[in-house]
Amino acid sequence: MAKADGVEVCPALDRAGCRIGRVRIKLERTFETGPVSGRGFPMNDRHMSSSSTTRALEHPSSVDTRFDRRLGEILDYATEVFAEKGYEGASMRDLSRLSGISLAGLYYYFESKEKLLYFIQQHTFNTIIERLRERLQESHDPETRIRIFVHNHISYSVAKQKAMKVLAHEDDVLKDGFGTELAAIKREYYRVCVGLVEDLVKAEGLKFVGRHAGPTGGIGTRTAVMGLFGMMNWLYTWYRPHVDPDAETIAGEMSDIFLRGVRAEKAADWKPRRAPNLSRKPETNGRPRAKGAKRKPAPSLATGRTRS
C-alpha cells in the first residue's frame, strides 16, 4: 500500500484513471490551483466548471477523439438522469431521450446502466481524492490540513451538486466487484480524515478526543469524523447559490464548527460530560415504579397499532 504524506493510500487511488474498453478516463482537474489563504484553501473558485461531470477523456495515444468526447457527454447526461429520477427510476431510454443518442449508440459505450453508475461514482471519488492528495502537500500544519480536507470536499460539492446527489442517494446500489472497489475507495477516504484528526489531537495534546474517548466523556474519533462527513455530504440538499455563501465561506464555517468541537476541552468552563447511568430503575411519570405495578402495553412500531 502506497503512502502520501504519511497517510496510507489504497493502490486504487494511485491510478490516473480507469479503462472503458479501449479508452482511458483521466481524472478531471476539477479545481484550478490558485493562491492559498491563511485558512489553507484557494482564495476563490471562479474557475470551477459546474456543467461537467467528466470531461478529461483521453485515448491511449493522447489524441482527443470523437469517441472520447461522446463518452464524457454520456456520463454527464447520465448524472443528470440519475440525479432527477434515481437509479431505480431511470432507464437507458430516459438517457437516450435526454442525450439524443440512440439506444444502440448508448449500448456501444456502456452495456448497462449499472456500469454507468459505477463510472460516475468512481470518477467522483477519484477526482476528489486526487486533488486532495495534491493539496495536502501544501502544508504540514494539522489545522490547515483539516481545513484543506473540508474545503476540497465542499468545493466539489458546490460545483457538482448533481454528482454528489447521485453519490449519496445511490450509495448501496452497486454490488459485487463494482461495489467492492468503491467501498475500498470510501474506506481509504475515511482513513485519510481519521489520520488528519489524529495528527491534530497529537500536536495539540487533546486528551478527550480519541478512538476510545467516547465512554469516558470525551469525543470518539469515529464520531467526530462521521459527524464532519454528515455536515459535508448533505450540503447538496440545502445549498442554493443565490442565497448561501460561496464554497470558501461555507468550508471555513464548517471547519470552525468541527475544530471548535474537538477542541472544546480547551474552553475554560468545559467539563467532561457524564456517561448516562443505564442501570437506574425505570420510572413511571417521573416517579419510581411501584413494586408489582404492571407496565402499560406499548404501541407496536411495526403496525402503528396499540396492542389489545
C-alpha atoms as a PDB file:
ATOM      1  CA  MET A   1       0.000   0.000   0.000  1.00  0.00           C
ATOM      2  CA  ALA A   2       1.407   3.369  -1.048  1.00  0.00           C
ATOM      3  CA  LYS A   3       1.781   6.351   1.272  1.00  0.00           C
ATOM      4  CA  ALA A   4       1.118  10.037   0.696  1.00  0.00           C
ATOM      5  CA  ASP A   5       2.293  12.451   3.387  1.00  0.00           C
ATOM      6  CA  GLY A   6       2.421   9.624   5.905  1.00  0.00           C
ATOM      7  CA  VAL A   7      -1.156   8.524   5.118  1.00  0.00           C
ATOM      8  CA  GLU A   8      -1.653   5.101   3.616  1.00  0.00           C
ATOM      9  CA  VAL A   9      -3.483   5.252   0.321  1.00  0.00           C
ATOM     10  CA  CYS A  10      -5.164   2.376  -1.448  1.00  0.00           C
ATOM     11  CA  PRO A  11      -3.481   1.370  -4.734  1.00  0.00           C
ATOM     12  CA  ALA A  12      -6.767   2.168  -6.456  1.00  0.00           C
ATOM     13  CA  LEU A  13      -6.170   5.822  -5.616  1.00  0.00           C
ATOM     14  CA  ASP A  14      -2.743   5.826  -7.244  1.00  0.00           C
ATOM     15  CA  ARG A  15      -4.149   5.172 -10.671  1.00  0.00           C
ATOM     16  CA  ALA A  16      -4.550   8.069 -13.065  1.00  0.00           C
ATOM     17  CA  GLY A  17      -7.898   6.752 -14.196  1.00  0.00           C
ATOM     18  CA  CYS A  18      -9.790   3.699 -15.395  1.00  0.00           C
ATOM     19  CA  ARG A  19     -10.340   1.758 -18.601  1.00  0.00           C
ATOM     20  CA  ILE A  20     -13.572   1.706 -20.536  1.00  0.00           C
ATOM     21  CA  GLY A  21     -12.973  -0.615 -23.461  1.00  0.00           C
ATOM     22  CA  ARG A  22     -10.195   0.979 -25.468  1.00  0.00           C
ATOM     23  CA  VAL A  23     -10.487   4.337 -23.745  1.00  0.00           C
ATOM     24  CA  ARG A  24      -8.762   5.635 -20.612  1.00  0.00           C
ATOM     25  CA  ILE A  25     -10.560   8.177 -18.441  1.00  0.00           C
ATOM     26  CA  LYS A  26      -8.129  10.527 -16.778  1.00  0.00           C
ATOM     27  CA  LEU A  27      -9.056  12.243 -13.571  1.00  0.00           C
ATOM     28  CA  GLU A  28     -10.563  15.612 -14.294  1.00  0.00           C
ATOM     29  CA  ARG A  29      -8.739  18.656 -12.992  1.00  0.00           C
ATOM     30  CA  THR A  30     -11.904  19.963 -11.399  1.00  0.00           C
ATOM     31  CA  PHE A  31     -10.113  22.594  -9.366  1.00  0.00           C
ATOM     32  CA  GLU A  32      -7.755  25.314 -10.510  1.00  0.00           C
ATOM     33  CA  THR A  33      -4.585  25.718  -8.472  1.00  0.00           C
ATOM     34  CA  GLY A  34      -4.642  29.199  -7.024  1.00  0.00           C
ATOM     35  CA  PRO A  35      -3.262  31.272  -4.175  1.00  0.00           C
ATOM     36  CA  VAL A  36      -3.909  29.782  -0.770  1.00  0.00           C
ATOM     37  CA  SER A  37      -5.381  31.872   2.011  1.00  0.00           C
ATOM     38  CA  GLY A  38      -4.442  31.769   5.654  1.00  0.00           C
ATOM     39  CA  ARG A  39      -7.017  29.051   6.214  1.00  0.00           C
ATOM     40  CA  GLY A  40      -5.337  26.755   3.764  1.00  0.00           C
ATOM     41  CA  PHE A  41      -7.570  26.824   0.701  1.00  0.00           C
ATOM     42  CA  PRO A  42      -7.789  28.740  -2.594  1.00  0.00           C
ATOM     43  CA  MET A  43      -8.950  32.327  -2.453  1.00  0.00           C
ATOM     44  CA  ASN A  44     -11.728  31.731  -4.986  1.00  0.00           C
ATOM     45  CA  ASP A  45     -13.450  29.061  -7.084  1.00  0.00           C
ATOM     46  CA  ARG A  46     -14.340  31.124 -10.125  1.00  0.00           C
ATOM     47  CA  HIS A  47     -12.527  28.776 -12.498  1.00  0.00           C
ATOM     48  CA  MET A  48     -14.521  25.715 -11.468  1.00  0.00           C
ATOM     49  CA  SER A  49     -16.882  24.236 -14.020  1.00  0.00           C
ATOM     50  CA  SER A  50     -20.395  23.376 -12.891  1.00  0.00           C
ATOM     51  CA  SER A  51     -21.615  21.718 -16.071  1.00  0.00           C
ATOM     52  CA  SER A  52     -19.309  18.746 -16.498  1.00  0.00           C
ATOM     53  CA  THR A  53     -19.053  15.573 -14.502  1.00  0.00           C
ATOM     54  CA  THR A  54     -16.201  14.178 -16.517  1.00  0.00           C
ATOM     55  CA  ARG A  55     -14.540  15.913 -19.432  1.00  0.00           C
ATOM     56  CA  ALA A  56     -10.912  14.839 -19.343  1.00  0.00           C
ATOM     57  CA  LEU A  57     -11.120  11.810 -21.568  1.00  0.00           C
ATOM     58  CA  GLU A  58      -8.009  10.528 -23.207  1.00  0.00           C
ATOM     59  CA  HIS A  59      -7.294   7.840 -25.790  1.00  0.00           C
ATOM     60  CA  PRO A  60      -4.131   5.812 -25.114  1.00  0.00           C
ATOM     61  CA  SER A  61      -2.465   7.701 -27.935  1.00  0.00           C
ATOM     62  CA  SER A  62      -3.276  11.022 -26.161  1.00  0.00           C
ATOM     63  CA  VAL A  63      -5.441  12.064 -29.099  1.00  0.00           C
ATOM     64  CA  ASP A  64      -8.772  13.542 -28.070  1.00  0.00           C
ATOM     65  CA  THR A  65     -11.142  11.564 -30.305  1.00  0.00           C
ATOM     66  CA  ARG A  66     -14.826  11.858 -31.019  1.00  0.00           C
ATOM     67  CA  PHE A  67     -15.305   8.575 -29.146  1.00  0.00           C
ATOM     68  CA  ASP A  68     -13.775  10.062 -26.003  1.00  0.00           C
ATOM     69  CA  ARG A  69     -15.797  13.253 -26.179  1.00  0.00           C
ATOM     70  CA  ARG A  70     -19.051  11.378 -26.679  1.00  0.00           C
ATOM     71  CA  LEU A  71     -18.220   9.118 -23.746  1.00  0.00           C
ATOM     72  CA  GLY A  72     -17.837  12.148 -21.475  1.00  0.00           C
ATOM     73  CA  GLU A  73     -21.122  13.587 -22.705  1.00  0.00           C
ATOM     74  CA  ILE A  74     -22.939  10.336 -21.907  1.00  0.00           C
ATOM     75  CA  LEU A  75     -21.602  10.343 -18.354  1.00  0.00           C
ATOM     76  CA  ASP A  76     -22.737  13.950 -17.929  1.00  0.00           C
ATOM     77  CA  TYR A  77     -26.238  13.174 -19.194  1.00  0.00           C
ATOM     78  CA  ALA A  78     -26.401  10.006 -17.077  1.00  0.00           C
ATOM     79  CA  THR A  79     -25.554  12.033 -13.976  1.00  0.00           C
ATOM     80  CA  GLU A  80     -28.490  14.364 -14.710  1.00  0.00           C
ATOM     81  CA  VAL A  81     -30.893  11.456 -15.250  1.00  0.00           C
ATOM     82  CA  PHE A  82     -29.838   9.590 -12.102  1.00  0.00           C
ATOM     83  CA  ALA A  83     -29.980  12.788 -10.025  1.00  0.00           C
ATOM     84  CA  GLU A  84     -33.506  13.547 -11.238  1.00  0.00           C
ATOM     85  CA  LYS A  85     -35.091  10.097 -11.276  1.00  0.00           C
ATOM     86  CA  GLY A  86     -32.846   7.972  -9.092  1.00  0.00           C
ATOM     87  CA  TYR A  87     -31.098   4.827 -10.257  1.00  0.00           C
ATOM     88  CA  GLU A  88     -34.159   2.566  -9.994  1.00  0.00           C
ATOM     89  CA  GLY A  89     -36.452   5.065 -11.696  1.00  0.00           C
ATOM     90  CA  ALA A  90     -34.071   5.902 -14.531  1.00  0.00           C
ATOM     91  CA  SER A  91     -33.751   3.905 -17.730  1.00  0.00           C
ATOM     92  CA  MET A  92     -31.484   3.821 -20.729  1.00  0.00           C
ATOM     93  CA  ARG A  93     -34.443   5.186 -22.727  1.00  0.00           C
ATOM     94  CA  ASP A  94     -34.520   8.252 -20.452  1.00  0.00           C
ATOM     95  CA  LEU A  95     -30.829   8.744 -21.136  1.00  0.00           C
ATOM     96  CA  SER A  96     -31.404   8.283 -24.847  1.00  0.00           C
ATOM     97  CA  ARG A  97     -34.115  10.962 -24.904  1.00  0.00           C
ATOM     98  CA  LEU A  98     -32.038  13.463 -22.929  1.00  0.00           C
ATOM     99  CA  SER A  99     -28.796  12.915 -24.826  1.00  0.00           C
ATOM    100  CA  GLY A 100     -30.279  12.443 -28.295  1.00  0.00           C
ATOM    101  CA  ILE A 101     -28.214   9.270 -28.678  1.00  0.00           C
ATOM    102  CA  SER A 102     -29.948   6.112 -29.860  1.00  0.00           C
ATOM    103  CA  LEU A 103     -30.205   3.107 -27.555  1.00  0.00           C
ATOM    104  CA  ALA A 104     -27.881   1.187 -29.835  1.00  0.00           C
ATOM    105  CA  GLY A 105     -25.421   4.041 -29.630  1.00  0.00           C
ATOM    106  CA  LEU A 106     -25.557   4.071 -25.824  1.00  0.00           C
ATOM    107  CA  TYR A 107     -25.002   0.332 -25.561  1.00  0.00           C
ATOM    108  CA  TYR A 108     -21.972   0.730 -27.791  1.00  0.00           C
ATOM    109  CA  TYR A 109     -20.358   2.720 -24.967  1.00  0.00           C
ATOM    110  CA  PHE A 110     -21.932   1.087 -21.901  1.00  0.00           C
ATOM    111  CA  GLU A 111     -23.502  -2.320 -21.634  1.00  0.00           C
ATOM    112  CA  SER A 112     -25.756  -1.401 -18.689  1.00  0.00           C
ATOM    113  CA  LYS A 113     -26.882   1.471 -16.509  1.00  0.00           C
ATOM    114  CA  GLU A 114     -25.139  -0.288 -13.615  1.00  0.00           C
ATOM    115  CA  LYS A 115     -21.787   0.266 -15.299  1.00  0.00           C
ATOM    116  CA  LEU A 116     -22.749   3.876 -15.967  1.00  0.00           C
ATOM    117  CA  LEU A 117     -23.453   4.426 -12.272  1.00  0.00           C
ATOM    118  CA  TYR A 118     -20.188   2.741 -11.362  1.00  0.00           C
ATOM    119  CA  PHE A 119     -18.102   5.050 -13.543  1.00  0.00           C
ATOM    120  CA  ILE A 120     -19.941   8.165 -12.303  1.00  0.00           C
ATOM    121  CA  GLN A 121     -19.269   7.246  -8.677  1.00  0.00           C
ATOM    122  CA  GLN A 122     -15.711   6.091  -9.277  1.00  0.00           C
ATOM    123  CA  HIS A 123     -14.869   9.254 -11.171  1.00  0.00           C
ATOM    124  CA  THR A 124     -16.384  11.484  -8.478  1.00  0.00           C
ATOM    125  CA  PHE A 125     -14.446   9.818  -5.665  1.00  0.00           C
ATOM    126  CA  ASN A 126     -11.187   9.676  -7.591  1.00  0.00           C
ATOM    127  CA  THR A 127     -11.414  13.311  -8.622  1.00  0.00           C
ATOM    128  CA  ILE A 128     -11.948  14.448  -5.024  1.00  0.00           C
ATOM    129  CA  ILE A 129      -9.170  12.250  -3.649  1.00  0.00           C
ATOM    130  CA  GLU A 130      -6.615  13.005  -6.353  1.00  0.00           C
ATOM    131  CA  ARG A 131      -6.972  16.733  -5.788  1.00  0.00           C
ATOM    132  CA  LEU A 132      -6.891  16.256  -2.007  1.00  0.00           C
ATOM    133  CA  ARG A 133      -3.597  14.400  -2.148  1.00  0.00           C
ATOM    134  CA  GLU A 134      -2.054  17.206  -4.173  1.00  0.00           C
ATOM    135  CA  ARG A 135      -3.319  19.931  -1.868  1.00  0.00           C
ATOM    136  CA  LEU A 136      -2.278  18.216   1.361  1.00  0.00           C
ATOM    137  CA  GLN A 137       1.312  18.577   0.199  1.00  0.00           C
ATOM    138  CA  GLU A 138       0.948  22.353   0.547  1.00  0.00           C
ATOM    139  CA  SER A 139       1.038  22.268   4.349  1.00  0.00           C
ATOM    140  CA  HIS A 140       2.205  20.192   7.299  1.00  0.00           C
ATOM    141  CA  ASP A 141       0.177  22.149   9.867  1.00  0.00           C
ATOM    142  CA  PRO A 142      -2.529  19.842  11.321  1.00  0.00           C
ATOM    143  CA  GLU A 143      -5.249  22.515  11.446  1.00  0.00           C
ATOM    144  CA  THR A 144      -4.547  23.746   7.932  1.00  0.00           C
ATOM    145  CA  ARG A 145      -4.615  20.195   6.593  1.00  0.00           C
ATOM    146  CA  ILE A 146      -8.059  19.620   8.111  1.00  0.00           C
ATOM    147  CA  ARG A 147      -9.259  22.878   6.560  1.00  0.00           C
ATOM    148  CA  ILE A 148      -7.836  21.755   3.211  1.00  0.00           C
ATOM    149  CA  PHE A 149      -9.741  18.467   3.533  1.00  0.00           C
ATOM    150  CA  VAL A 150     -13.025  20.252   4.247  1.00  0.00           C
ATOM    151  CA  HIS A 151     -12.601  22.867   1.529  1.00  0.00           C
ATOM    152  CA  ASN A 152     -11.637  20.255  -1.056  1.00  0.00           C
ATOM    153  CA  HIS A 153     -14.844  18.325  -0.346  1.00  0.00           C
ATOM    154  CA  ILE A 154     -17.100  21.372  -0.143  1.00  0.00           C
ATOM    155  CA  SER A 155     -15.702  22.916  -3.337  1.00  0.00           C
ATOM    156  CA  TYR A 156     -16.578  19.810  -5.297  1.00  0.00           C
ATOM    157  CA  SER A 157     -19.998  19.542  -3.647  1.00  0.00           C
ATOM    158  CA  VAL A 158     -20.893  23.113  -4.578  1.00  0.00           C
ATOM    159  CA  ALA A 159     -19.649  22.790  -8.156  1.00  0.00           C
ATOM    160  CA  LYS A 160     -21.040  19.282  -8.749  1.00  0.00           C
ATOM    161  CA  GLN A 161     -24.268  19.066  -6.795  1.00  0.00           C
ATOM    162  CA  LYS A 162     -25.874  16.512  -9.104  1.00  0.00           C
ATOM    163  CA  ALA A 163     -22.867  14.213  -8.968  1.00  0.00           C
ATOM    164  CA  MET A 164     -22.853  14.427  -5.166  1.00  0.00           C
ATOM    165  CA  LYS A 165     -26.569  13.661  -5.064  1.00  0.00           C
ATOM    166  CA  VAL A 166     -26.017  10.526  -7.139  1.00  0.00           C
ATOM    167  CA  LEU A 167     -23.111   9.579  -4.887  1.00  0.00           C
ATOM    168  CA  ALA A 168     -25.214   9.904  -1.730  1.00  0.00           C
ATOM    169  CA  HIS A 169     -28.540   8.513  -2.938  1.00  0.00           C
ATOM    170  CA  GLU A 170     -27.162   5.506  -4.796  1.00  0.00           C
ATOM    171  CA  ASP A 171     -24.570   4.639  -2.176  1.00  0.00           C
ATOM    172  CA  ASP A 172     -25.508   0.971  -1.766  1.00  0.00           C
ATOM    173  CA  VAL A 173     -26.871   0.102  -5.220  1.00  0.00           C
ATOM    174  CA  LEU A 174     -23.717  -1.407  -6.681  1.00  0.00           C
ATOM    175  CA  LYS A 175     -22.789  -4.920  -5.599  1.00  0.00           C
ATOM    176  CA  ASP A 176     -20.089  -7.492  -6.299  1.00  0.00           C
ATOM    177  CA  GLY A 177     -16.905  -6.170  -7.910  1.00  0.00           C
ATOM    178  CA  PHE A 178     -18.144  -2.639  -8.574  1.00  0.00           C
ATOM    179  CA  GLY A 179     -19.405  -2.200  -5.043  1.00  0.00           C
ATOM    180  CA  THR A 180     -16.269  -3.731  -3.537  1.00  0.00           C
ATOM    181  CA  GLU A 181     -13.947  -1.362  -5.359  1.00  0.00           C
ATOM    182  CA  LEU A 182     -15.983   1.708  -4.432  1.00  0.00           C
ATOM    183  CA  ALA A 183     -16.188   0.566  -0.806  1.00  0.00           C
ATOM    184  CA  ALA A 184     -12.388   0.311  -0.699  1.00  0.00           C
ATOM    185  CA  ILE A 185     -12.020   3.873  -2.014  1.00  0.00           C
ATOM    186  CA  LYS A 186     -14.521   5.153   0.568  1.00  0.00           C
ATOM    187  CA  ARG A 187     -12.659   3.420   3.387  1.00  0.00           C
ATOM    188  CA  GLU A 188      -9.386   4.998   2.355  1.00  0.00           C
ATOM    189  CA  TYR A 189     -11.011   8.446   2.165  1.00  0.00           C
ATOM    190  CA  TYR A 190     -12.384   7.941   5.669  1.00  0.00           C
ATOM    191  CA  ARG A 191      -8.973   6.814   6.942  1.00  0.00           C
ATOM    192  CA  VAL A 192      -7.293   9.892   5.496  1.00  0.00           C
ATOM    193  CA  CYS A 193      -9.687  12.066   7.514  1.00  0.00           C
ATOM    194  CA  VAL A 194      -9.104   9.975  10.654  1.00  0.00           C
ATOM    195  CA  GLY A 195      -5.365  10.407  10.193  1.00  0.00           C
ATOM    196  CA  LEU A 196      -5.714  14.183   9.918  1.00  0.00           C
ATOM    197  CA  VAL A 197      -7.793  14.349  13.099  1.00  0.00           C
ATOM    198  CA  GLU A 198      -5.344  12.153  14.985  1.00  0.00           C
ATOM    199  CA  ASP A 199      -2.473  14.388  13.848  1.00  0.00           C
ATOM    200  CA  LEU A 200      -4.305  17.396  15.325  1.00  0.00           C
ATOM    201  CA  VAL A 201      -5.009  15.558  18.577  1.00  0.00           C
ATOM    202  CA  LYS A 202      -1.366  14.589  18.937  1.00  0.00           C
ATOM    203  CA  ALA A 203       0.008  18.014  18.002  1.00  0.00           C
ATOM    204  CA  GLU A 204      -2.258  19.900  20.437  1.00  0.00           C
ATOM    205  CA  GLY A 205      -2.333  17.324  23.209  1.00  0.00           C
ATOM    206  CA  LEU A 206      -6.110  16.916  23.183  1.00  0.00           C
ATOM    207  CA  LYS A 207      -6.790  14.368  25.905  1.00  0.00           C
ATOM    208  CA  PHE A 208     -10.525  13.946  25.447  1.00  0.00           C
ATOM    209  CA  VAL A 209     -10.542  13.096  21.737  1.00  0.00           C
ATOM    210  CA  GLY A 210      -9.535   9.626  20.649  1.00  0.00           C
ATOM    211  CA  ARG A 211     -10.610   6.240  19.382  1.00  0.00           C
ATOM    212  CA  HIS A 212     -11.915   5.191  22.813  1.00  0.00           C
ATOM    213  CA  ALA A 213     -12.689   8.581  24.361  1.00  0.00           C
ATOM    214  CA  GLY A 214     -16.476   8.463  23.997  1.00  0.00           C
ATOM    215  CA  PRO A 215     -17.321   6.244  27.008  1.00  0.00           C
ATOM    216  CA  THR A 216     -15.133   8.408  29.283  1.00  0.00           C
ATOM    217  CA  GLY A 217     -16.991  11.611  28.459  1.00  0.00           C
ATOM    218  CA  GLY A 218     -14.844  12.729  25.526  1.00  0.00           C
ATOM    219  CA  ILE A 219     -15.334  12.571  21.761  1.00  0.00           C
ATOM    220  CA  GLY A 220     -14.637   9.382  19.846  1.00  0.00           C
ATOM    221  CA  THR A 221     -12.531   9.870  16.720  1.00  0.00           C
ATOM    222  CA  ARG A 222     -15.024   7.961  14.589  1.00  0.00           C
ATOM    223  CA  THR A 223     -17.917  10.040  15.932  1.00  0.00           C
ATOM    224  CA  ALA A 224     -16.048  13.261  15.165  1.00  0.00           C
ATOM    225  CA  VAL A 225     -15.106  12.183  11.639  1.00  0.00           C
ATOM    226  CA  MET A 226     -18.544  10.826  10.755  1.00  0.00           C
ATOM    227  CA  GLY A 227     -20.115  13.994  12.127  1.00  0.00           C
ATOM    228  CA  LEU A 228     -17.905  16.022   9.792  1.00  0.00           C
ATOM    229  CA  PHE A 229     -18.897  13.872   6.822  1.00  0.00           C
ATOM    230  CA  GLY A 230     -22.531  14.295   7.837  1.00  0.00           C
ATOM    231  CA  MET A 231     -22.195  18.075   7.579  1.00  0.00           C
ATOM    232  CA  MET A 232     -20.381  17.967   4.255  1.00  0.00           C
ATOM    233  CA  ASN A 233     -22.319  15.246   2.447  1.00  0.00           C
ATOM    234  CA  TRP A 234     -25.751  16.807   2.942  1.00  0.00           C
ATOM    235  CA  LEU A 235     -24.751  20.154   1.534  1.00  0.00           C
ATOM    236  CA  TYR A 236     -26.396  19.385  -1.810  1.00  0.00           C
ATOM    237  CA  THR A 237     -29.810  19.103  -0.114  1.00  0.00           C
ATOM    238  CA  TRP A 238     -29.929  22.708   1.044  1.00  0.00           C
ATOM    239  CA  TYR A 239     -27.281  24.740  -0.783  1.00  0.00           C
ATOM    240  CA  ARG A 240     -28.624  27.495  -3.039  1.00  0.00           C
ATOM    241  CA  PRO A 241     -26.026  29.558  -4.946  1.00  0.00           C
ATOM    242  CA  HIS A 242     -28.097  32.756  -4.896  1.00  0.00           C
ATOM    243  CA  VAL A 243     -28.893  32.502  -1.186  1.00  0.00           C
ATOM    244  CA  ASP A 244     -25.931  30.849   0.503  1.00  0.00           C
ATOM    245  CA  PRO A 245     -22.292  31.997   0.606  1.00  0.00           C
ATOM    246  CA  ASP A 246     -19.574  30.604  -1.648  1.00  0.00           C
ATOM    247  CA  ALA A 247     -17.662  27.366  -1.097  1.00  0.00           C
ATOM    248  CA  GLU A 248     -14.753  29.080   0.657  1.00  0.00           C
ATOM    249  CA  THR A 249     -17.025  30.685   3.260  1.00  0.00           C
ATOM    250  CA  ILE A 250     -19.045  27.524   3.901  1.00  0.00           C
ATOM    251  CA  ALA A 251     -15.871  25.423   4.174  1.00  0.00           C
ATOM    252  CA  GLY A 252     -14.443  27.894   6.667  1.00  0.00           C
ATOM    253  CA  GLU A 253     -17.619  27.818   8.762  1.00  0.00           C
ATOM    254  CA  MET A 254     -17.825  24.023   8.776  1.00  0.00           C
ATOM    255  CA  SER A 255     -14.127  23.786   9.624  1.00  0.00           C
ATOM    256  CA  ASP A 256     -14.681  26.183  12.537  1.00  0.00           C
ATOM    257  CA  ILE A 257     -17.636  24.147  13.819  1.00  0.00           C
ATOM    258  CA  PHE A 258     -15.628  20.946  13.667  1.00  0.00           C
ATOM    259  CA  LEU A 259     -12.401  22.332  15.142  1.00  0.00           C
ATOM    260  CA  ARG A 260     -14.156  24.131  17.992  1.00  0.00           C
ATOM    261  CA  GLY A 261     -15.965  20.906  18.783  1.00  0.00           C
ATOM    262  CA  VAL A 262     -12.878  18.723  19.037  1.00  0.00           C
ATOM    263  CA  ARG A 263     -11.050  21.489  20.906  1.00  0.00           C
ATOM    264  CA  ALA A 264     -13.888  22.019  23.387  1.00  0.00           C
ATOM    265  CA  GLU A 265     -11.755  20.834  26.311  1.00  0.00           C
ATOM    266  CA  LYS A 266      -9.642  23.973  25.930  1.00  0.00           C
ATOM    267  CA  ALA A 267     -12.591  26.151  26.924  1.00  0.00           C
ATOM    268  CA  ALA A 268     -12.310  27.479  30.483  1.00  0.00           C
ATOM    269  CA  ASP A 269     -15.768  26.223  31.512  1.00  0.00           C
ATOM    270  CA  TRP A 270     -15.574  22.817  29.800  1.00  0.00           C
ATOM    271  CA  LYS A 271     -16.109  19.646  31.789  1.00  0.00           C
ATOM    272  CA  PRO A 272     -16.233  16.059  30.534  1.00  0.00           C
ATOM    273  CA  ARG A 273     -19.844  15.002  30.151  1.00  0.00           C
ATOM    274  CA  ARG A 274     -21.030  12.242  32.412  1.00  0.00           C
ATOM    275  CA  ALA A 275     -21.900   8.965  30.773  1.00  0.00           C
ATOM    276  CA  PRO A 276     -25.631   8.171  31.234  1.00  0.00           C
ATOM    277  CA  ASN A 277     -26.456   5.815  34.093  1.00  0.00           C
ATOM    278  CA  LEU A 278     -28.182   2.983  32.283  1.00  0.00           C
ATOM    279  CA  SER A 279     -28.558   0.888  35.422  1.00  0.00           C
ATOM    280  CA  ARG A 280     -31.053   3.151  37.202  1.00  0.00           C
ATOM    281  CA  LYS A 281     -34.512   1.827  37.943  1.00  0.00           C
ATOM    282  CA  PRO A 282     -37.334   2.526  35.447  1.00  0.00           C
ATOM    283  CA  GLU A 283     -39.682   5.362  36.307  1.00  0.00           C
ATOM    284  CA  THR A 284     -43.386   6.000  35.759  1.00  0.00           C
ATOM    285  CA  ASN A 285     -44.422   9.602  35.081  1.00  0.00           C
ATOM    286  CA  GLY A 286     -41.273  10.844  36.751  1.00  0.00           C
ATOM    287  CA  ARG A 287     -41.834   8.651  39.835  1.00  0.00           C
ATOM    288  CA  PRO A 288     -40.269   5.291  40.727  1.00  0.00           C
ATOM    289  CA  ARG A 289     -42.470   2.424  39.552  1.00  0.00           C
ATOM    290  CA  ALA A 290     -44.388   0.903  42.413  1.00  0.00           C
ATOM    291  CA  LYS A 291     -43.378  -2.605  43.312  1.00  0.00           C
ATOM    292  CA  GLY A 292     -45.551  -5.082  41.444  1.00  0.00           C
ATOM    293  CA  ALA A 293     -47.065  -2.383  39.191  1.00  0.00           C
ATOM    294  CA  LYS A 294     -47.969  -3.570  35.701  1.00  0.00           C
ATOM    295  CA  ARG A 295     -46.416  -1.969  32.629  1.00  0.00           C
ATOM    296  CA  LYS A 296     -48.879  -0.487  30.123  1.00  0.00           C
ATOM    297  CA  PRO A 297     -48.702  -2.061  26.665  1.00  0.00           C
ATOM    298  CA  ALA A 298     -46.550  -0.111  24.220  1.00  0.00           C
ATOM    299  CA  PRO A 299     -47.730   0.671  20.670  1.00  0.00           C
ATOM    300  CA  SER A 300     -46.409  -1.660  18.008  1.00  0.00           C
ATOM    301  CA  LEU A 301     -43.820   0.105  15.858  1.00  0.00           C
ATOM    302  CA  ALA A 302     -44.308  -2.367  13.067  1.00  0.00           C
ATOM    303  CA  THR A 303     -48.001  -1.670  12.525  1.00  0.00           C
ATOM    304  CA  GLY A 304     -48.612   1.620  14.333  1.00  0.00           C
ATOM    305  CA  ARG A 305     -51.466  -0.031  16.275  1.00  0.00           C
ATOM    306  CA  THR A 306     -51.781  -0.467  20.034  1.00  0.00           C
ATOM    307  CA  ARG A 307     -51.836  -3.997  21.259  1.00  0.00           C
ATOM    308  CA  SER A 308     -55.131  -5.084  22.754  1.00  0.00           C
END
